[in-house]
Amino acid sequence: MLDIAAALADWCAQGRAFAVATVTAVSGSAPRRPGAALAVDRDGEAVGSVSGGCVEGAVYELCRRSLADGRTVRERFGHSGEDAFAAGLTCGGEIDVLVQPFLPGDPGAAVPARALAAAAAGETAALARVVDGPAPPGAALLVRPGGPVTGTLGGERLDGAAAAAARALLDAGRTGTVTVGADGGRCGEPLTLLVECSVPPPRMLVFGAVDFAAAMVRAGRFLGHRVTVCDARPVFATAARFPEADEVVAQWPHRYLERTRTDSRTAVVVLTHDPKFDVPLLERALRMPLAYVGAMGSRRTHDQRLERLRAAGLTGTELARLHSPIGLDLGALTPEETALSVAAEIVARRRGGTGLPLSRTTGPLHHDPPPPAPESVLPPVPAPAPAPPSV
């Protein structure tokens, strides 16, 4: 539900009544992941999606029915091969859906409404809702990092156990289901919760204010990243040249990387292919727990860069993290095509994809390995580096 938080927060502010269908579990091949949602208001307006089209009509009607009778319901949709007229997933998988009404003035809507407002504002928060078990379906907790818990599932011990489980997923920036004992212990009747997490967007740090950087900024924004362009040359690192970037910084790349906050979702894209910038930057980046580190350059440039990085003391394991020459083999020539190939490599790295055409692969179409928990990185400020070169 938090994936459409901006629209639903507006609906809450307007006092609209609506129902939300949220994917709580997926098995087999399915087009959307847990947390995907479709919302319908009293006028029939809809936002979001739970299946990419396969069962949208049936889920839409479930939302209308839930809104009319005020009931929270659970439904499973699977393959519809035995009945051509039944609603089902043509991909052969199954999805479980929780359909919950949200009515103005309903006390049960207060906690989800706060979670929607937090997510719409880009704040870090987790919404845990009961999917299955002895507690009322849809009962919710709002969990913030290091802050108080809002709402209750029915008991102090249960709330504490649920909040701890939600914070574990929030630390990893993941949405998924968890099971806790209904009495707050390990032996009580199991209670299944869907935990939806709202975290700030991942960062993309583009080093090198070159012509390819503008296209990379657009690709990064399209993927949902907060994009920074950094270059040591002030004449090139200007907001006028990169109006779509969230931030433009004129600073030595390695100094900026040392002083800025990163985590395990951060992508570093190095476009300068100039040793005096690249080597100090990559020497640091390849030792940090980042999601992706890629560097532009020819194969000859890459080989020379590796020699310099080895001389700087990097190990074979650290060098193996470097994606260079950068991007997937798309035959890209233009800045836009190159940005597409880099963006595709970043997605493949994040999702565990092979980068091969799907027609040449077998097995599941969707890869979603659990990412490592994000680790905030803000190393000590180093000694001053030389001044930027004159231009």
Foldseek 3Di string as FASTA:
>chain_A
DLVCLQVVLVCVVVQWKKKKKFWACKDFFFDDHGGWIWMATQVGDIDTDDGVPQQRVVVSVVGNVCSVVVDKDKDKAADDVVPPPDRHHVNGMMTMIIMGIDHPPDPLNVAVSVVSVCLSVQHKKKKKFWDDDDFGGGQIWIEHVPDDIPGDRPDDLLVVLVNVVLVVCSLLQDWHKDWAAPVNHRPHTIIIITMHIRHHAAAEEEEDLDPLVLLLLVLCVVVPHQYEYEYQAVVRQDCVSRVSHNYTYNRQQLLCVQADKHKLAYEYEYEHLDVVRPQSNLLVVLVDNYLAAEYADDPVSVVVSVVSSVVVPDDPVSVVRYCPVAFDPPVDDDSNSSSVRNSVVSVCSQQVHDSDPPVPDDDHPGGHDRGDRIDIHRHDRDDDDDRRDYD
